[in-house]
Protein backbone atom coordinates (compact mmCIF):
# COMPACT_ATOMS: atom_id res chain seq x y z
CA MET A 1 3.34 0.50 39.49
CA GLU A 2 3.60 5.21 39.17
CA SER A 3 -0.43 4.85 38.13
CA LEU A 4 -0.74 2.70 40.73
CA PRO A 5 -1.76 6.12 43.31
CA TYR A 6 -3.79 7.72 40.11
CA ALA A 7 -6.09 3.88 40.62
CA CYS A 8 -6.73 5.42 44.09
CA THR A 9 -10.03 7.20 43.70
CA ALA A 10 -12.10 4.57 40.72
CA ILE A 11 -11.29 1.62 43.24
CA ALA A 12 -12.35 3.82 46.56
CA ALA A 13 -15.14 4.92 44.47
CA ILE A 14 -16.01 1.87 43.83
CA LEU A 15 -15.85 0.05 47.75
CA SER A 16 -16.91 3.02 49.80
CA PRO A 17 -19.54 5.65 48.37
CA ILE A 18 -22.37 2.47 48.25
CA LEU A 19 -21.61 1.15 51.71
CA VAL A 20 -21.08 4.50 53.57
CA GLY A 21 -24.29 5.79 51.74
CA SER A 22 -26.59 3.39 52.93
CA ILE A 23 -25.67 3.64 56.45
CA THR A 24 -25.92 7.08 56.56
CA ASP A 25 -29.70 7.26 55.24
CA ARG A 26 -30.42 4.06 58.08
CA PHE A 27 -28.24 5.17 60.40
CA PHE A 28 -26.21 8.70 61.28
CA SER A 29 -26.82 11.95 60.25
CA ALA A 30 -24.92 12.46 57.47
CA GLN A 31 -23.12 15.80 58.29
CA LYS A 32 -21.47 13.79 61.20
CA VAL A 33 -20.38 11.15 58.82
CA LEU A 34 -19.02 13.82 56.95
CA ALA A 35 -17.24 14.98 59.71
CA VAL A 36 -15.92 11.33 61.17
CA LEU A 37 -14.45 10.66 57.36
CA MET A 38 -12.64 13.98 57.18
CA PHE A 39 -11.21 13.87 60.69
CA ALA A 40 -10.24 9.58 59.48
CA GLY A 41 -8.73 11.22 55.82
CA ALA A 42 -6.88 13.68 57.81
CA LEU A 43 -4.53 11.65 60.58
CA LEU A 44 -4.54 9.48 57.16
CA MET A 45 -2.85 11.36 54.77
CA TYR A 46 -0.83 12.55 57.63
CA PHE A 47 0.75 9.43 57.55
CA ALA A 48 0.89 9.06 53.89
CA ALA A 49 3.20 12.19 54.14
CA GLN A 50 5.63 10.81 56.24
CA GLN A 51 6.42 8.04 54.03
CA THR A 52 9.25 7.42 52.42
CA THR A 53 8.38 3.72 50.21
CA PHE A 54 6.01 3.44 47.43
CA ALA A 55 4.83 -0.18 50.29
CA GLY A 56 4.24 2.58 52.89
CA PHE A 57 2.87 5.24 51.18
CA PHE A 58 -0.56 3.04 48.63
CA PRO A 59 -1.76 1.55 51.32
CA LEU A 60 -2.35 4.87 53.27
CA LEU A 61 -3.42 6.49 50.13
CA LEU A 62 -5.66 4.40 49.36
CA ALA A 63 -7.18 4.46 52.80
CA TYR A 64 -6.86 7.95 52.19
CA SER A 65 -9.31 7.94 49.41
CA LEU A 66 -11.45 5.17 50.54
CA THR A 67 -12.62 8.10 53.61
CA TYR A 68 -12.49 10.94 50.71
CA MET A 69 -15.03 9.23 47.64
CA PRO A 70 -18.04 8.66 49.96
CA THR A 71 -18.30 13.12 50.89
CA ILE A 72 -18.98 13.58 47.35
CA ALA A 73 -22.08 11.64 47.54
CA LEU A 74 -22.81 13.14 51.36
CA THR A 75 -22.56 16.68 50.66
CA ASN A 76 -24.38 16.42 47.64
CA SER A 77 -27.52 15.09 49.53
CA ILE A 78 -26.82 17.67 52.68
CA ALA A 79 -27.08 20.07 50.34
CA PHE A 80 -30.32 18.54 48.80
CA ALA A 81 -32.10 18.46 51.77
CA ASN A 82 -31.34 21.60 52.74
CA VAL A 83 -31.88 24.11 50.13
CA PRO A 84 -35.38 25.38 48.15
CA ASP A 85 -34.96 25.21 45.48
CA VAL A 86 -32.75 22.04 44.20
CA GLU A 87 -31.46 23.24 40.31
CA ARG A 88 -31.52 27.22 41.73
CA ASP A 89 -29.34 26.54 44.73
CA PHE A 90 -26.80 23.56 44.15
CA PRO A 91 -25.36 25.06 41.31
CA ARG A 92 -24.41 28.11 43.34
CA ILE A 93 -23.46 25.64 45.96
CA ARG A 94 -21.61 22.85 43.64
CA VAL A 95 -19.62 26.02 42.26
CA MET A 96 -17.36 26.43 45.41
CA GLY A 97 -15.84 23.15 45.11
CA THR A 98 -14.39 23.96 41.84
CA ILE A 99 -13.16 27.62 43.48
CA GLY A 100 -11.52 25.38 45.99
CA TRP A 101 -9.89 23.28 43.60
CA ILE A 102 -8.40 25.81 41.36
CA ALA A 103 -7.44 27.43 44.83
CA SER A 104 -5.97 24.55 45.82
CA GLY A 105 -3.82 24.21 42.51
CA LEU A 106 -2.31 28.29 43.09
CA ALA A 107 -1.60 27.41 46.46
CA CYS A 108 1.30 24.59 45.62
CA GLY A 109 2.23 25.78 42.46
CA PHE A 110 2.40 29.51 41.91
CA LEU A 111 1.65 30.82 45.48
CA PRO A 112 4.93 29.20 47.24
CA GLN A 113 7.05 31.00 44.26
CA ILE A 114 5.40 34.67 44.06
CA LEU A 115 6.51 34.49 47.66
CA GLY A 116 9.84 33.73 47.11
CA TYR A 117 10.27 30.26 47.89
CA ALA A 118 11.16 26.98 46.33
CA ASP A 119 8.55 24.79 44.18
CA ILE A 120 6.76 22.37 47.06
CA SER A 121 5.06 20.03 44.29
CA PRO A 122 7.14 17.24 44.48
CA THR A 123 8.01 17.93 48.11
CA ASN A 124 5.53 16.25 51.21
CA ILE A 125 3.98 19.69 52.35
CA PRO A 126 0.68 19.04 48.90
CA LEU A 127 -0.11 16.11 51.16
CA LEU A 128 0.30 18.29 54.68
CA ILE A 129 -2.25 21.01 53.22
CA THR A 130 -4.65 18.15 52.31
CA ALA A 131 -4.25 17.06 55.80
CA GLY A 132 -4.57 20.17 57.54
CA SER A 133 -7.51 20.96 55.11
CA SER A 134 -9.20 17.40 56.16
CA ALA A 135 -9.36 18.44 59.60
CA LEU A 136 -10.33 22.23 59.44
CA LEU A 137 -13.37 20.67 57.39
CA GLY A 138 -14.14 18.07 60.11
CA VAL A 139 -14.68 20.96 61.94
CA PHE A 140 -17.00 22.21 60.05
CA ALA A 141 -18.82 20.00 59.61
CA PHE A 142 -19.85 20.03 62.41
CA PHE A 143 -21.77 23.09 61.90
CA LEU A 144 -23.15 22.11 59.09
CA PRO A 145 -27.56 22.07 58.94
CA ASP A 146 -28.95 18.35 60.75
CA THR A 147 -29.28 16.14 58.35
CA PRO A 148 -30.81 13.50 59.66
CA PRO A 149 -31.46 9.51 58.21
CA LYS A 150 -34.80 9.31 56.39
CA SER A 151 -34.43 5.27 56.67
CA THR A 152 -35.95 2.85 58.92
CA GLY A 153 -35.70 -0.16 56.85
CA LYS A 154 -33.56 -3.81 58.08
CA MET A 155 -30.51 -3.75 57.84
CA ASP A 156 -28.53 -6.25 56.34
CA ILE A 157 -25.71 -7.39 53.97
CA LYS A 158 -27.52 -6.40 51.16
CA VAL A 159 -28.62 -3.18 52.93
CA MET A 160 -25.06 -2.07 53.97
CA LEU A 161 -23.64 -3.00 50.31
CA GLY A 162 -26.08 -0.41 48.91
CA LEU A 163 -27.98 -3.21 46.75
CA ASP A 164 -30.99 -1.69 47.75
CA ALA A 165 -30.22 1.16 45.72
CA LEU A 166 -30.48 -0.91 42.71
CA ILE A 167 -34.18 -1.79 43.04
CA LEU A 168 -34.06 2.09 41.06
CA LEU A 169 -32.85 0.88 37.99
CA ARG A 170 -36.00 -0.64 37.62
CA ASP A 171 -37.52 2.60 35.80
CA LYS A 172 -36.58 2.46 32.67
CA ASN A 173 -35.13 5.89 31.90
CA PHE A 174 -33.22 6.23 35.28
CA LEU A 175 -31.71 3.29 33.93
CA VAL A 176 -31.09 4.92 30.42
CA PHE A 177 -29.53 7.21 32.83
CA PHE A 178 -27.46 4.89 34.46
CA PHE A 179 -25.87 2.96 31.53
CA CYS A 180 -25.54 6.26 29.26
CA SER A 181 -23.23 7.97 32.74
CA PHE A 182 -21.31 4.53 32.89
CA LEU A 183 -20.04 4.55 29.87
CA PHE A 184 -19.58 8.52 29.40
CA ALA A 185 -16.94 8.31 31.79
CA MET A 186 -14.66 5.63 30.12
CA PRO A 187 -14.33 8.53 27.12
CA LEU A 188 -14.35 10.98 29.71
CA ALA A 189 -11.43 9.29 31.38
CA PHE A 190 -8.64 9.89 28.17
CA TYR A 191 -9.59 13.90 29.60
CA TYR A 192 -7.27 13.39 32.82
CA ILE A 193 -4.83 10.73 32.04
CA PHE A 194 -3.74 11.88 27.96
CA ALA A 195 -5.07 16.09 27.52
CA ASN A 196 -2.24 17.13 29.54
CA GLY A 197 0.81 15.06 27.45
CA TYR A 198 -1.36 15.58 23.86
CA LEU A 199 -1.09 19.31 24.78
CA THR A 200 2.53 19.56 25.83
CA GLU A 201 3.14 17.64 22.75
CA VAL A 202 1.45 19.35 20.65
CA GLY A 203 3.97 22.63 21.47
CA MET A 204 1.26 24.34 24.35
CA LYS A 205 4.08 25.67 26.73
CA ASN A 206 3.00 25.22 30.56
CA ALA A 207 -0.20 23.22 29.47
CA THR A 208 -0.52 22.29 32.95
CA GLY A 209 -1.02 25.45 34.27
CA TRP A 210 -3.55 26.71 30.81
CA MET A 211 -5.44 23.66 31.98
CA THR A 212 -7.20 25.42 34.59
CA LEU A 213 -8.86 27.39 32.15
CA GLY A 214 -11.41 24.35 32.14
CA GLN A 215 -12.31 25.23 35.60
CA PHE A 216 -12.63 28.76 34.76
CA SER A 217 -15.61 28.22 32.31
CA GLU A 218 -16.54 25.81 34.96
CA ILE A 219 -17.55 27.98 37.15
CA PHE A 220 -18.93 30.03 34.63
CA PHE A 221 -21.61 27.65 33.08
CA MET A 222 -22.11 26.07 37.07
CA LEU A 223 -23.46 28.93 37.93
CA ALA A 224 -24.93 29.98 34.15
CA LEU A 225 -26.82 26.11 35.02
CA PRO A 226 -29.95 26.71 36.72
CA PHE A 227 -31.04 28.98 33.45
CA PHE A 228 -30.45 26.12 31.48
CA THR A 229 -31.88 23.48 33.02
CA LYS A 230 -35.30 26.05 33.64
CA ARG A 231 -34.88 27.23 29.72
CA PHE A 232 -33.94 23.76 27.96
CA GLY A 233 -35.00 21.06 31.01
CA ILE A 234 -32.22 18.20 32.51
CA LYS A 235 -32.61 15.79 29.52
CA LYS A 236 -31.46 18.88 26.42
CA VAL A 237 -28.90 19.81 29.49
CA LEU A 238 -27.55 16.27 29.66
CA LEU A 239 -27.27 15.65 26.38
CA LEU A 240 -25.49 18.84 25.68
CA GLY A 241 -23.19 17.82 27.82
CA LEU A 242 -22.06 14.94 26.15
CA VAL A 243 -22.59 16.92 22.77
CA THR A 244 -19.81 19.39 23.62
CA ALA A 245 -17.52 16.82 25.05
CA ALA A 246 -17.86 15.00 21.63
CA ILE A 247 -17.05 18.58 20.67
CA ARG A 248 -14.24 19.11 22.79
CA TYR A 249 -12.22 15.74 21.16
CA GLY A 250 -13.18 17.07 17.68
CA PHE A 251 -11.00 20.56 18.84
CA PHE A 252 -8.64 18.56 19.63
CA ILE A 253 -8.33 16.65 16.51
CA TYR A 254 -7.44 19.81 14.96
CA GLY A 255 -5.60 21.45 17.07
CA SER A 256 -1.83 22.20 17.08
CA ALA A 257 0.24 25.00 18.01
CA ASP A 258 1.70 25.49 14.27
CA GLU A 259 -1.14 27.91 13.19
CA TYR A 260 -2.97 30.26 14.90
CA PHE A 261 -6.03 28.65 14.42
CA THR A 262 -5.35 25.24 15.08
CA TYR A 263 -4.20 26.92 18.66
CA ALA A 264 -7.28 27.96 19.44
CA LEU A 265 -9.35 24.69 19.05
CA LEU A 266 -6.75 24.04 21.84
CA PHE A 267 -7.72 26.57 23.82
CA LEU A 268 -11.51 26.35 23.21
CA GLY A 269 -11.51 22.45 23.57
CA ILE A 270 -9.79 23.16 27.28
CA LEU A 271 -13.10 25.14 27.85
CA LEU A 272 -15.32 23.08 26.63
CA HIS A 273 -13.95 20.79 29.94
CA GLY A 274 -16.13 22.88 32.04
CA VAL A 275 -19.19 23.10 29.95
CA SER A 276 -19.24 19.17 29.51
CA TYR A 277 -18.47 18.58 33.36
CA ASP A 278 -21.24 21.00 34.12
CA PHE A 279 -23.98 20.62 31.96
CA TYR A 280 -24.05 16.18 31.90
CA TYR A 281 -22.37 15.64 36.26
CA VAL A 282 -23.57 18.97 37.80
CA THR A 283 -27.18 18.13 35.94
CA ALA A 284 -27.18 14.44 36.38
CA TYR A 285 -26.97 14.77 40.51
CA ILE A 286 -29.99 17.16 40.55
CA TYR A 287 -31.61 14.52 38.71
CA VAL A 288 -30.63 11.92 40.83
CA ASP A 289 -31.57 13.43 43.56
CA LYS A 290 -35.63 14.04 41.96
CA LYS A 291 -35.80 9.85 41.06
CA ALA A 292 -34.77 9.02 44.55
CA PRO A 293 -37.17 8.60 47.16
CA VAL A 294 -35.55 10.42 49.97
CA HIS A 295 -34.57 7.58 52.58
CA MET A 296 -31.99 6.30 49.99
CA ARG A 297 -30.46 9.42 48.49
CA THR A 298 -27.50 9.57 49.84
CA ALA A 299 -27.15 6.07 48.44
CA ALA A 300 -28.26 6.45 44.89
CA GLN A 301 -25.93 9.54 44.77
CA GLY A 302 -23.02 6.56 46.18
CA LEU A 303 -24.28 4.60 43.12
CA ILE A 304 -23.81 6.80 40.69
CA THR A 305 -20.71 7.45 42.01
CA LEU A 306 -19.90 4.36 41.81
CA CYS A 307 -21.01 4.19 38.25
CA CYS A 308 -18.98 7.09 37.63
CA GLN A 309 -15.69 7.70 39.59
CA GLY A 310 -15.79 3.83 40.03
CA PHE A 311 -15.77 1.17 37.23
CA GLY A 312 -16.51 3.74 34.54
CA SER A 313 -13.58 5.87 35.04
CA LEU A 314 -10.84 2.37 35.77
CA LEU A 315 -12.40 1.26 32.55
CA GLY A 316 -11.79 3.85 30.63
CA TYR A 317 -8.27 4.24 32.42
CA ARG A 318 -7.27 1.01 30.63
CA LEU A 319 -9.13 0.96 28.14
CA GLY A 320 -7.32 4.32 27.02
CA GLY A 321 -3.96 3.09 28.06
CA VAL A 322 -4.65 -0.49 26.11
CA MET A 323 -5.63 1.65 22.97
CA MET A 324 -2.87 4.28 23.28
CA GLU A 325 0.16 1.08 23.49
CA LYS A 326 -1.42 -1.02 21.15
CA MET A 327 -3.48 1.03 18.45
CA PHE A 328 -1.79 5.19 18.27
CA ALA A 329 1.65 4.35 19.32
CA TYR A 330 4.26 5.11 16.87
CA GLN A 331 7.66 3.14 16.49
CA GLU A 332 9.66 6.09 15.47
CA PRO A 333 8.49 9.87 15.46
CA VAL A 334 6.29 11.40 13.16
CA ASN A 335 6.48 15.37 13.10
CA GLY A 336 7.64 14.97 16.75
CA LEU A 337 5.09 13.54 17.96
CA THR A 338 5.21 9.59 19.46
CA PHE A 339 1.52 9.52 19.32
CA ASN A 340 -1.24 9.34 16.88
CA TRP A 341 -2.87 12.25 18.55
CA SER A 342 -5.72 12.62 16.10
CA GLY A 343 -7.04 9.30 16.69
CA MET A 344 -7.03 8.92 20.48
CA TRP A 345 -9.39 11.84 20.20
CA THR A 346 -11.18 10.48 17.35
CA PHE A 347 -11.52 7.64 19.47
CA GLY A 348 -13.05 9.17 22.10
CA ALA A 349 -15.28 11.81 20.14
CA VAL A 350 -16.91 8.95 18.38
CA MET A 351 -17.65 6.55 21.47
CA ILE A 352 -19.56 9.76 22.87
CA ALA A 353 -21.36 10.49 19.97
CA ILE A 354 -22.96 7.18 20.06
CA ILE A 355 -23.21 7.57 23.40
CA ALA A 356 -25.24 11.37 22.74
CA VAL A 357 -27.56 9.05 20.33
CA LEU A 358 -28.22 6.31 22.34
CA PHE A 359 -29.30 8.57 24.86
CA MET A 360 -31.17 10.36 22.66
CA ILE A 361 -33.41 8.03 21.23
CA PHE A 362 -34.17 5.92 25.04
CA PHE A 363 -34.50 8.44 27.89
CA ARG A 364 -38.10 10.03 27.14
CA GLU A 365 -38.34 11.70 30.92
CA SER A 366 -39.64 14.91 30.06
CA ASP A 367 -38.89 17.66 33.51
CA ASN A 368 -43.09 17.73 34.06
CA GLU A 369 -42.45 13.52 34.23
CA ILE A 370 -39.32 13.82 36.47
CA THR A 371 -41.29 12.24 40.05
CA ALA A 372 -39.67 10.33 42.73
CA ILE A 373 -39.36 6.04 41.68
CA LYS A 374 -42.19 4.90 43.65
CA VAL A 375 -40.80 2.13 46.19
CA ASP A 376 -42.78 0.23 48.33
CA ASP A 377 -42.75 -2.16 51.04
CA ARG A 378 -42.32 -5.18 48.71
CA ASP A 379 -39.66 -3.67 46.54
CA ILE A 380 -37.51 -2.87 50.26
CA ALA A 381 -38.15 -6.61 50.68
CA LEU A 382 -37.38 -7.62 47.69
CA THR A 383 -33.72 -6.42 48.09
CA GLN A 384 -33.65 -8.08 51.14
CA GLY A 385 -34.62 -11.11 50.33
CA GLU A 386 -37.05 -11.56 52.35
CA VAL A 387 -39.92 -12.26 49.94
CA LYS A 388 -39.58 -15.56 48.14
């Protein structure tokens, strides 16, 4: 039961982004949909903060997640539609999300204690801060540049569910990218669910605090991303994201708090998390914007959210849990460890290495060949069931 709240975002990523993306692409300005979702999320989180039972809390948390997950695709689409140079300008905007992530951790973790207040993390105050922030973002969204819908196509159940965006998978390179992104999300999930417990068990003090180094490295490499994409191209940057993720798990295989060198490996692994996330997923959003026709860009961004944060993450959480329980849990502690962490990280590193090889072999698109996938009227009719 304790793990259910952590699955909310994955469930929401499956259920909501494509639906909202398809509707936004056809009927409403993206910034207005963003505002409505933020206001709805603020109300839901406020009521969730008042609950005292799991039965009352969980449905509200899931409903909040359903309003939050579509905002990833929406904010990407608003940014992409209103910047002169996506590769140069988007990372500068996206980095503010990482800074906000760090700020939220400081606001809920260190700041109250610095000001002489008790720890607020076991209380409902972080939830109330979330509700207030969502309401403020709802107001702010109305002041964002107008991003009107680009499609005027017919609306039916297939379009509502975002199935029209699946037409993009007819492009071989996009299909390879989509498949590899889905696979990569599974071993990436191991970091989110196991890293803190692993670092604590091998002897790192205040592992939660030190893990924010991953966000700090994310800021630096996010700002450097335009240089890398211009210098090396999108394919090589995506591949570098996969390679650094595998190396990160390699550092964890040999890391420990026993010696200076092995202790340094733990910190290097944390720092590489920000590198791998930027180089793969932020670059992935840029690639999707380049490949998707203008009238279905929000739906396409939602498709990647569903693929990675949805099905990929959910399967990764499940796979990681089963592997830890069935294969890597010790019957009795060994050298103070309750799990074979080296085995788990080796499993993750090998998975990512295989994905990297598949991507390197089958993704053949160079930067000067990356253009929007052409979707003609017949393709649209096929997705809507009008051509037999």
